[in-house]
C-alpha atoms as a PDB file:
ATOM      1  CA  MET A   1     -46.091  21.657 -69.909  1.00  0.00           C
ATOM      2  CA  GLY A   2     -43.354  24.253 -69.617  1.00  0.00           C
ATOM      3  CA  LYS A   3     -44.218  27.942 -69.473  1.00  0.00           C
ATOM      4  CA  ILE A   4     -42.764  30.177 -72.180  1.00  0.00           C
ATOM      5  CA  LEU A   5     -41.649  33.534 -70.791  1.00  0.00           C
ATOM      6  CA  VAL A   6     -40.509  36.173 -73.269  1.00  0.00           C
ATOM      7  CA  VAL A   7     -38.423  39.069 -71.992  1.00  0.00           C
ATOM      8  CA  ALA A   8     -38.997  42.025 -74.296  1.00  0.00           C
ATOM      9  CA  GLY A   9     -39.228  45.801 -74.506  1.00  0.00           C
ATOM     10  CA  GLN A  10     -39.344  48.569 -77.057  1.00  0.00           C
ATOM     11  CA  LYS A  11     -35.847  49.928 -76.381  1.00  0.00           C
ATOM     12  CA  GLY A  12     -32.371  48.685 -75.604  1.00  0.00           C
ATOM     13  CA  GLY A  13     -30.325  49.177 -72.454  1.00  0.00           C
ATOM     14  CA  ILE A  14     -33.101  48.155 -70.070  1.00  0.00           C
ATOM     15  CA  GLY A  15     -31.527  44.963 -68.713  1.00  0.00           C
ATOM     16  CA  LYS A  16     -33.351  42.564 -71.007  1.00  0.00           C
ATOM     17  CA  THR A  17     -30.607  39.994 -71.648  1.00  0.00           C
ATOM     18  CA  THR A  18     -29.270  40.456 -68.126  1.00  0.00           C
ATOM     19  CA  THR A  19     -32.697  39.458 -66.848  1.00  0.00           C
ATOM     20  CA  VAL A  20     -32.973  36.447 -69.167  1.00  0.00           C
ATOM     21  CA  VAL A  21     -29.605  35.066 -68.044  1.00  0.00           C
ATOM     22  CA  ASN A  22     -29.896  35.808 -64.322  1.00  0.00           C
ATOM     23  CA  LEU A  23     -33.548  34.880 -63.950  1.00  0.00           C
ATOM     24  CA  GLY A  24     -32.856  31.603 -65.762  1.00  0.00           C
ATOM     25  CA  ALA A  25     -29.915  30.809 -63.504  1.00  0.00           C
ATOM     26  CA  SER A  26     -31.908  31.736 -60.399  1.00  0.00           C
ATOM     27  CA  LEU A  27     -34.799  29.467 -61.380  1.00  0.00           C
ATOM     28  CA  ALA A  28     -32.252  26.677 -61.923  1.00  0.00           C
ATOM     29  CA  ILE A  29     -30.913  27.260 -58.402  1.00  0.00           C
ATOM     30  CA  PHE A  30     -34.464  26.516 -57.200  1.00  0.00           C
ATOM     31  CA  ASN A  31     -34.242  23.210 -59.094  1.00  0.00           C
ATOM     32  CA  LYS A  32     -36.447  24.280 -62.004  1.00  0.00           C
ATOM     33  CA  SER A  33     -35.466  23.012 -65.442  1.00  0.00           C
ATOM     34  CA  VAL A  34     -34.871  26.008 -67.697  1.00  0.00           C
ATOM     35  CA  LEU A  35     -34.048  26.624 -71.349  1.00  0.00           C
ATOM     36  CA  LEU A  36     -32.818  30.034 -72.498  1.00  0.00           C
ATOM     37  CA  VAL A  37     -33.517  30.763 -76.169  1.00  0.00           C
ATOM     38  CA  ASP A  38     -31.752  33.662 -77.903  1.00  0.00           C
ATOM     39  CA  LEU A  39     -33.635  35.375 -80.744  1.00  0.00           C
ATOM     40  CA  ASP A  40     -31.355  38.423 -80.766  1.00  0.00           C
ATOM     41  CA  PRO A  41     -28.787  38.433 -83.615  1.00  0.00           C
ATOM     42  CA  GLN A  42     -26.288  40.049 -81.210  1.00  0.00           C
ATOM     43  CA  GLY A  43     -26.071  36.706 -79.416  1.00  0.00           C
ATOM     44  CA  SER A  44     -25.681  38.165 -75.936  1.00  0.00           C
ATOM     45  CA  VAL A  45     -27.096  35.126 -74.130  1.00  0.00           C
ATOM     46  CA  GLY A  46     -24.281  32.918 -75.411  1.00  0.00           C
ATOM     47  CA  ILE A  47     -21.695  35.621 -74.720  1.00  0.00           C
ATOM     48  CA  SER A  48     -22.914  35.696 -71.114  1.00  0.00           C
ATOM     49  CA  PHE A  49     -21.683  32.086 -70.894  1.00  0.00           C
ATOM     50  CA  GLN A  50     -18.417  32.724 -72.809  1.00  0.00           C
ATOM     51  CA  LEU A  51     -19.881  31.469 -76.083  1.00  0.00           C
ATOM     52  CA  ASP A  52     -19.646  34.000 -78.900  1.00  0.00           C
ATOM     53  CA  GLU A  53     -21.022  33.377 -82.387  1.00  0.00           C
ATOM     54  CA  TYR A  54     -17.778  31.746 -83.550  1.00  0.00           C
ATOM     55  CA  HIS A  55     -17.784  29.213 -80.698  1.00  0.00           C
ATOM     56  CA  VAL A  56     -21.358  28.124 -81.450  1.00  0.00           C
ATOM     57  CA  LYS A  57     -21.213  25.625 -84.313  1.00  0.00           C
ATOM     58  CA  LEU A  58     -24.953  24.989 -84.407  1.00  0.00           C
ATOM     59  CA  GLY A  59     -27.285  27.601 -82.986  1.00  0.00           C
ATOM     60  CA  MET A  60     -30.570  29.408 -83.410  1.00  0.00           C
ATOM     61  CA  TYR A  61     -29.564  30.651 -86.866  1.00  0.00           C
ATOM     62  CA  ASP A  62     -29.470  27.035 -88.062  1.00  0.00           C
ATOM     63  CA  VAL A  63     -32.786  26.301 -86.353  1.00  0.00           C
ATOM     64  CA  ILE A  64     -34.567  29.300 -87.878  1.00  0.00           C
ATOM     65  CA  VAL A  65     -32.962  29.484 -91.331  1.00  0.00           C
ATOM     66  CA  ASN A  66     -31.997  25.858 -92.036  1.00  0.00           C
ATOM     67  CA  ASN A  67     -34.941  24.140 -90.293  1.00  0.00           C
ATOM     68  CA  MET A  68     -32.653  22.266 -87.910  1.00  0.00           C
ATOM     69  CA  ALA A  69     -34.325  20.711 -84.854  1.00  0.00           C
ATOM     70  CA  LEU A  70     -34.008  22.925 -81.774  1.00  0.00           C
ATOM     71  CA  SER A  71     -32.665  19.973 -79.776  1.00  0.00           C
ATOM     72  CA  ASN A  72     -29.471  20.090 -81.891  1.00  0.00           C
ATOM     73  CA  ALA A  73     -28.784  23.679 -80.810  1.00  0.00           C
ATOM     74  CA  ILE A  74     -29.216  23.156 -77.063  1.00  0.00           C
ATOM     75  CA  ILE A  75     -26.085  23.382 -74.893  1.00  0.00           C
ATOM     76  CA  ASN A  76     -25.816  22.880 -71.145  1.00  0.00           C
ATOM     77  CA  SER A  77     -24.775  26.077 -69.382  1.00  0.00           C
ATOM     78  CA  GLY A  78     -22.740  24.421 -66.652  1.00  0.00           C
ATOM     79  CA  LEU A  79     -25.656  24.434 -64.208  1.00  0.00           C
ATOM     80  CA  ASP A  80     -27.404  21.065 -64.054  1.00  0.00           C
ATOM     81  CA  THR A  81     -30.895  22.279 -64.910  1.00  0.00           C
ATOM     82  CA  LEU A  82     -30.058  25.276 -67.114  1.00  0.00           C
ATOM     83  CA  ASP A  83     -29.683  24.841 -70.886  1.00  0.00           C
ATOM     84  CA  ILE A  84     -29.194  27.477 -73.562  1.00  0.00           C
ATOM     85  CA  ALA A  85     -29.948  27.682 -77.281  1.00  0.00           C
ATOM     86  CA  PRO A  86     -27.555  30.462 -78.354  1.00  0.00           C
ATOM     87  CA  MET A  87     -27.635  32.603 -81.477  1.00  0.00           C
ATOM     88  CA  ASN A  88     -24.820  32.259 -84.025  1.00  0.00           C
ATOM     89  CA  VAL A  89     -25.252  35.055 -86.567  1.00  0.00           C
ATOM     90  CA  ARG A  90     -21.775  35.966 -87.843  1.00  0.00           C
ATOM     91  CA  ASN A  91     -22.413  38.650 -90.463  1.00  0.00           C
ATOM     92  CA  GLU A  92     -25.017  40.994 -91.921  1.00  0.00           C
ATOM     93  CA  GLU A  93     -26.019  38.555 -94.661  1.00  0.00           C
ATOM     94  CA  MET A  94     -26.916  35.917 -92.068  1.00  0.00           C
ATOM     95  CA  GLU A  95     -28.883  38.501 -90.095  1.00  0.00           C
ATOM     96  CA  ILE A  96     -30.913  39.415 -93.182  1.00  0.00           C
ATOM     97  CA  GLU A  97     -31.681  35.727 -93.763  1.00  0.00           C
ATOM     98  CA  LEU A  98     -32.744  35.390 -90.135  1.00  0.00           C
ATOM     99  CA  TYR A  99     -35.217  38.265 -90.327  1.00  0.00           C
ATOM    100  CA  SER A 100     -36.540  37.070 -93.672  1.00  0.00           C
ATOM    101  CA  ARG A 101     -37.485  33.743 -92.120  1.00  0.00           C
ATOM    102  CA  ALA A 102     -39.006  35.518 -89.119  1.00  0.00           C
ATOM    103  CA  LEU A 103     -41.695  37.019 -91.367  1.00  0.00           C
ATOM    104  CA  LYS A 104     -43.545  33.743 -90.714  1.00  0.00           C
ATOM    105  CA  ILE A 105     -44.905  34.910 -87.382  1.00  0.00           C
ATOM    106  CA  ASP A 106     -45.620  31.495 -85.851  1.00  0.00           C
ATOM    107  CA  LEU A 107     -42.173  30.103 -86.693  1.00  0.00           C
ATOM    108  CA  VAL A 108     -40.741  30.310 -83.163  1.00  0.00           C
ATOM    109  CA  LYS A 109     -43.907  28.847 -81.678  1.00  0.00           C
ATOM    110  CA  THR A 110     -43.511  25.850 -84.001  1.00  0.00           C
ATOM    111  CA  ILE A 111     -39.811  25.547 -83.107  1.00  0.00           C
ATOM    112  CA  LEU A 112     -40.440  25.540 -79.332  1.00  0.00           C
ATOM    113  CA  THR A 113     -43.383  23.124 -79.309  1.00  0.00           C
ATOM    114  CA  PRO A 114     -41.340  19.864 -79.415  1.00  0.00           C
ATOM    115  CA  VAL A 115     -39.314  20.802 -76.301  1.00  0.00           C
ATOM    116  CA  ARG A 116     -42.014  22.465 -74.155  1.00  0.00           C
ATOM    117  CA  ASN A 117     -42.608  19.373 -72.059  1.00  0.00           C
ATOM    118  CA  LEU A 118     -38.891  18.993 -71.283  1.00  0.00           C
ATOM    119  CA  TYR A 119     -38.599  22.180 -69.214  1.00  0.00           C
ATOM    120  CA  ASP A 120     -40.413  23.986 -66.417  1.00  0.00           C
ATOM    121  CA  PHE A 121     -39.588  27.344 -68.012  1.00  0.00           C
ATOM    122  CA  ILE A 122     -38.429  28.419 -71.459  1.00  0.00           C
ATOM    123  CA  ILE A 123     -37.154  32.008 -71.343  1.00  0.00           C
ATOM    124  CA  VAL A 124     -36.771  33.828 -74.651  1.00  0.00           C
ATOM    125  CA  ASP A 125     -34.538  36.836 -75.251  1.00  0.00           C
ATOM    126  CA  CYS A 126     -35.713  39.183 -78.026  1.00  0.00           C
ATOM    127  CA  PRO A 127     -33.974  41.988 -79.942  1.00  0.00           C
ATOM    128  CA  PRO A 128     -34.365  45.526 -78.537  1.00  0.00           C
ATOM    129  CA  ASN A 129     -37.056  46.459 -81.058  1.00  0.00           C
ATOM    130  CA  LEU A 130     -40.548  45.486 -82.195  1.00  0.00           C
ATOM    131  CA  GLY A 131     -39.456  43.782 -85.406  1.00  0.00           C
ATOM    132  CA  ALA A 132     -40.367  40.390 -86.830  1.00  0.00           C
ATOM    133  CA  MET A 133     -38.170  38.432 -84.421  1.00  0.00           C
ATOM    134  CA  THR A 134     -39.719  40.019 -81.321  1.00  0.00           C
ATOM    135  CA  LEU A 135     -43.188  39.516 -82.763  1.00  0.00           C
ATOM    136  CA  ASN A 136     -42.341  35.841 -83.269  1.00  0.00           C
ATOM    137  CA  GLY A 137     -41.329  35.560 -79.628  1.00  0.00           C
ATOM    138  CA  LEU A 138     -44.537  37.201 -78.423  1.00  0.00           C
ATOM    139  CA  VAL A 139     -46.693  34.952 -80.601  1.00  0.00           C
ATOM    140  CA  ALA A 140     -44.991  31.936 -78.973  1.00  0.00           C
ATOM    141  CA  ALA A 141     -45.214  33.286 -75.420  1.00  0.00           C
ATOM    142  CA  ASP A 142     -47.471  32.444 -72.519  1.00  0.00           C
ATOM    143  CA  GLU A 143     -46.286  35.540 -70.665  1.00  0.00           C
ATOM    144  CA  VAL A 144     -44.109  38.562 -71.341  1.00  0.00           C
ATOM    145  CA  ILE A 145     -41.783  40.086 -68.748  1.00  0.00           C
ATOM    146  CA  ILE A 146     -41.088  43.767 -69.412  1.00  0.00           C
ATOM    147  CA  PRO A 147     -37.895  45.272 -67.943  1.00  0.00           C
ATOM    148  CA  VAL A 148     -38.135  49.025 -67.445  1.00  0.00           C
ATOM    149  CA  LEU A 149     -35.841  51.695 -66.061  1.00  0.00           C
ATOM    150  CA  SER A 150     -37.229  54.178 -63.561  1.00  0.00           C
ATOM    151  CA  GLU A 151     -36.686  57.007 -66.033  1.00  0.00           C
ATOM    152  CA  TYR A 152     -39.051  59.293 -67.953  1.00  0.00           C
ATOM    153  CA  TYR A 153     -38.179  57.992 -71.435  1.00  0.00           C
ATOM    154  CA  SER A 154     -38.636  54.401 -70.303  1.00  0.00           C
ATOM    155  CA  LEU A 155     -42.133  55.255 -69.060  1.00  0.00           C
ATOM    156  CA  LYS A 156     -43.054  56.632 -72.491  1.00  0.00           C
ATOM    157  CA  SER A 157     -41.707  53.495 -74.182  1.00  0.00           C
ATOM    158  CA  LEU A 158     -43.575  51.303 -71.690  1.00  0.00           C
ATOM    159  CA  GLY A 159     -46.907  52.898 -72.576  1.00  0.00           C
ATOM    160  CA  LYS A 160     -46.341  52.326 -76.288  1.00  0.00           C
ATOM    161  CA  PHE A 161     -45.196  48.761 -75.690  1.00  0.00           C
ATOM    162  CA  LEU A 162     -48.263  47.906 -73.611  1.00  0.00           C
ATOM    163  CA  ASN A 163     -50.501  49.164 -76.411  1.00  0.00           C
ATOM    164  CA  THR A 164     -48.552  47.039 -78.881  1.00  0.00           C
ATOM    165  CA  LEU A 165     -49.023  43.981 -76.675  1.00  0.00           C
ATOM    166  CA  LYS A 166     -52.797  44.543 -76.666  1.00  0.00           C
ATOM    167  CA  ASN A 167     -52.810  44.563 -80.465  1.00  0.00           C
ATOM    168  CA  ILE A 168     -50.615  41.456 -80.692  1.00  0.00           C
ATOM    169  CA  SER A 169     -52.870  39.672 -78.219  1.00  0.00           C
ATOM    170  CA  LYS A 170     -55.983  40.513 -80.246  1.00  0.00           C
ATOM    171  CA  LYS A 171     -54.501  39.553 -83.621  1.00  0.00           C
ATOM    172  CA  TYR A 172     -52.016  36.752 -83.021  1.00  0.00           C
ATOM    173  CA  ASN A 173     -51.933  35.353 -79.478  1.00  0.00           C
ATOM    174  CA  LYS A 174     -55.135  35.593 -77.464  1.00  0.00           C
ATOM    175  CA  ASN A 175     -53.542  33.738 -74.539  1.00  0.00           C
ATOM    176  CA  LEU A 176     -50.656  36.200 -74.121  1.00  0.00           C
ATOM    177  CA  LYS A 177     -50.443  37.622 -70.602  1.00  0.00           C
ATOM    178  CA  ILE A 178     -48.217  40.198 -68.957  1.00  0.00           C
ATOM    179  CA  GLY A 179     -46.084  38.238 -66.516  1.00  0.00           C
ATOM    180  CA  GLY A 180     -44.904  41.446 -64.906  1.00  0.00           C
ATOM    181  CA  ILE A 181     -43.149  44.782 -65.244  1.00  0.00           C
ATOM    182  CA  LEU A 182     -39.655  44.545 -63.758  1.00  0.00           C
ATOM    183  CA  VAL A 183     -37.833  47.677 -62.609  1.00  0.00           C
ATOM    184  CA  THR A 184     -34.121  47.277 -63.352  1.00  0.00           C
ATOM    185  CA  MET A 185     -30.976  49.273 -62.475  1.00  0.00           C
ATOM    186  CA  TYR A 186     -32.903  50.958 -59.670  1.00  0.00           C
ATOM    187  CA  ASP A 187     -31.165  53.433 -57.370  1.00  0.00           C
ATOM    188  CA  ALA A 188     -33.304  54.383 -54.361  1.00  0.00           C
ATOM    189  CA  ARG A 189     -30.924  57.261 -53.571  1.00  0.00           C
ATOM    190  CA  VAL A 190     -32.147  59.129 -56.646  1.00  0.00           C
ATOM    191  CA  ARG A 191     -35.369  60.942 -55.765  1.00  0.00           C
ATOM    192  CA  LYS A 192     -36.745  60.927 -59.313  1.00  0.00           C
ATOM    193  CA  GLN A 193     -36.287  57.151 -59.560  1.00  0.00           C
ATOM    194  CA  LYS A 194     -38.188  56.689 -56.281  1.00  0.00           C
ATOM    195  CA  GLU A 195     -41.001  58.867 -57.615  1.00  0.00           C
ATOM    196  CA  ILE A 196     -41.213  56.868 -60.858  1.00  0.00           C
ATOM    197  CA  MET A 197     -41.211  53.582 -58.922  1.00  0.00           C
ATOM    198  CA  GLU A 198     -44.127  54.883 -56.841  1.00  0.00           C
ATOM    199  CA  TYR A 199     -45.928  55.972 -60.018  1.00  0.00           C
ATOM    200  CA  LEU A 200     -45.465  52.544 -61.605  1.00  0.00           C
ATOM    201  CA  ARG A 201     -46.792  50.745 -58.529  1.00  0.00           C
ATOM    202  CA  SER A 202     -49.787  53.062 -58.152  1.00  0.00           C
ATOM    203  CA  THR A 203     -50.655  52.985 -61.871  1.00  0.00           C
ATOM    204  CA  PHE A 204     -49.999  49.357 -62.833  1.00  0.00           C
ATOM    205  CA  LYS A 205     -50.482  47.828 -59.378  1.00  0.00           C
ATOM    206  CA  GLU A 206     -50.104  44.013 -59.410  1.00  0.00           C
ATOM    207  CA  LEU A 207     -48.555  44.091 -62.892  1.00  0.00           C
ATOM    208  CA  VAL A 208     -45.355  45.446 -61.309  1.00  0.00           C
ATOM    209  CA  PHE A 209     -43.205  42.771 -59.690  1.00  0.00           C
ATOM    210  CA  LYS A 210     -42.628  43.205 -55.977  1.00  0.00           C
ATOM    211  CA  SER A 211     -39.022  42.338 -56.741  1.00  0.00           C
ATOM    212  CA  PHE A 212     -36.789  44.897 -58.432  1.00  0.00           C
ATOM    213  CA  ILE A 213     -33.183  44.825 -59.613  1.00  0.00           C
ATOM    214  CA  PRO A 214     -30.886  47.431 -58.046  1.00  0.00           C
ATOM    215  CA  ARG A 215     -28.035  49.112 -59.850  1.00  0.00           C
ATOM    216  CA  ASN A 216     -25.226  46.780 -58.822  1.00  0.00           C
ATOM    217  CA  SER A 217     -21.611  46.460 -59.964  1.00  0.00           C
ATOM    218  CA  LYS A 218     -21.622  42.654 -59.647  1.00  0.00           C
ATOM    219  CA  VAL A 219     -24.508  42.367 -62.130  1.00  0.00           C
ATOM    220  CA  SER A 220     -22.558  44.555 -64.565  1.00  0.00           C
ATOM    221  CA  GLU A 221     -19.348  42.567 -64.088  1.00  0.00           C
ATOM    222  CA  ALA A 222     -20.878  39.112 -64.502  1.00  0.00           C
ATOM    223  CA  PRO A 223     -21.059  39.004 -68.350  1.00  0.00           C
ATOM    224  CA  SER A 224     -17.361  39.894 -68.604  1.00  0.00           C
ATOM    225  CA  VAL A 225     -16.473  36.746 -66.648  1.00  0.00           C
ATOM    226  CA  GLY A 226     -18.995  34.631 -68.556  1.00  0.00           C
ATOM    227  CA  LYS A 227     -21.205  33.794 -65.591  1.00  0.00           C
ATOM    228  CA  PRO A 228     -24.642  34.684 -64.237  1.00  0.00           C
ATOM    229  CA  VAL A 229     -24.321  36.961 -61.213  1.00  0.00           C
ATOM    230  CA  ILE A 230     -25.301  34.177 -58.791  1.00  0.00           C
ATOM    231  CA  LEU A 231     -22.174  32.265 -59.856  1.00  0.00           C
ATOM    232  CA  HIS A 232     -20.057  35.416 -59.840  1.00  0.00           C
ATOM    233  CA  ASP A 233     -21.102  36.644 -56.381  1.00  0.00           C
ATOM    234  CA  ILE A 234     -24.191  35.030 -54.883  1.00  0.00           C
ATOM    235  CA  ARG A 235     -24.094  37.346 -51.861  1.00  0.00           C
ATOM    236  CA  SER A 236     -24.331  40.515 -53.948  1.00  0.00           C
ATOM    237  CA  ARG A 237     -27.496  42.629 -53.948  1.00  0.00           C
ATOM    238  CA  GLY A 238     -27.970  41.892 -57.638  1.00  0.00           C
ATOM    239  CA  ALA A 239     -27.830  38.124 -57.159  1.00  0.00           C
ATOM    240  CA  LEU A 240     -30.198  38.212 -54.198  1.00  0.00           C
ATOM    241  CA  SER A 241     -32.642  40.374 -56.164  1.00  0.00           C
ATOM    242  CA  TYR A 242     -32.780  37.904 -59.055  1.00  0.00           C
ATOM    243  CA  LEU A 243     -33.290  35.043 -56.614  1.00  0.00           C
ATOM    244  CA  LYS A 244     -36.237  36.955 -55.097  1.00  0.00           C
ATOM    245  CA  LEU A 245     -37.633  37.509 -58.590  1.00  0.00           C
ATOM    246  CA  ALA A 246     -37.360  33.778 -59.321  1.00  0.00           C
ATOM    247  CA  GLU A 247     -39.188  32.988 -56.079  1.00  0.00           C
ATOM    248  CA  GLU A 248     -41.947  35.441 -56.988  1.00  0.00           C
ATOM    249  CA  ILE A 249     -42.371  33.888 -60.442  1.00  0.00           C
ATOM    250  CA  ILE A 250     -42.444  30.348 -59.034  1.00  0.00           C
ATOM    251  CA  GLU A 251     -45.066  31.409 -56.480  1.00  0.00           C
ATOM    252  CA  LYS A 252     -47.221  33.016 -59.192  1.00  0.00           C
ATOM    253  CA  ASN A 253     -46.836  29.965 -61.409  1.00  0.00           C
ATOM    254  CA  ASN A 254     -47.922  27.616 -58.624  1.00  0.00           C
ATOM    255  CA  LYS A 255     -51.098  29.650 -58.084  1.00  0.00           C
ATOM    256  CA  ASN A 256     -52.119  29.434 -61.735  1.00  0.00           C
END
């Protein structure tokens, strides 16, 4: 049975979608079958593969609002073992409909169940908030990956988010685990960032991934060319970091 990984956090700009796309592609490079599912109305997963909301005829909006089977929304990314189910919200009215349907908190879990056995990993991208859509993703998840910047405000948000996860686990998903805290956009030359990294590792210990994602121009450029960073420049520090993260996740998964 495939493992459902949800990438989520309490604030935007932390590298959430970037991690979904590049971790998914990296796992595919290691010959794992992967499905990326976009629950964010902004549709950034599809855009990362040059598919905006107008190029997606049938997407997650149709699955969530019109009860269409998820299999009808799945598109191959161009990598043999990497599929995507992109979002296709085109206006505010559609977004309101989407969130109205998401009030049924086990909706996404029900949607993903028929395809779980088809993939090694299903990676879900959530909106940058703790609304109904993110809650739906967390109720469906086996594990949550939490991207975090090595900055003071991100630490405050992380603490609040961890408390929220405890409450969600108690009320809605007793099997939910923290897959790991992932430091993104890290710059070791900045003393304060090094100090925060050390604090995270000393405080949260094994919950923090050994892998981290450096601030890297190739990672930032990749969405503009519609490719994961490993297809844009596999020798870049960003690409190598995501490959290391994929290896770490595969190793952890094999132990469980």
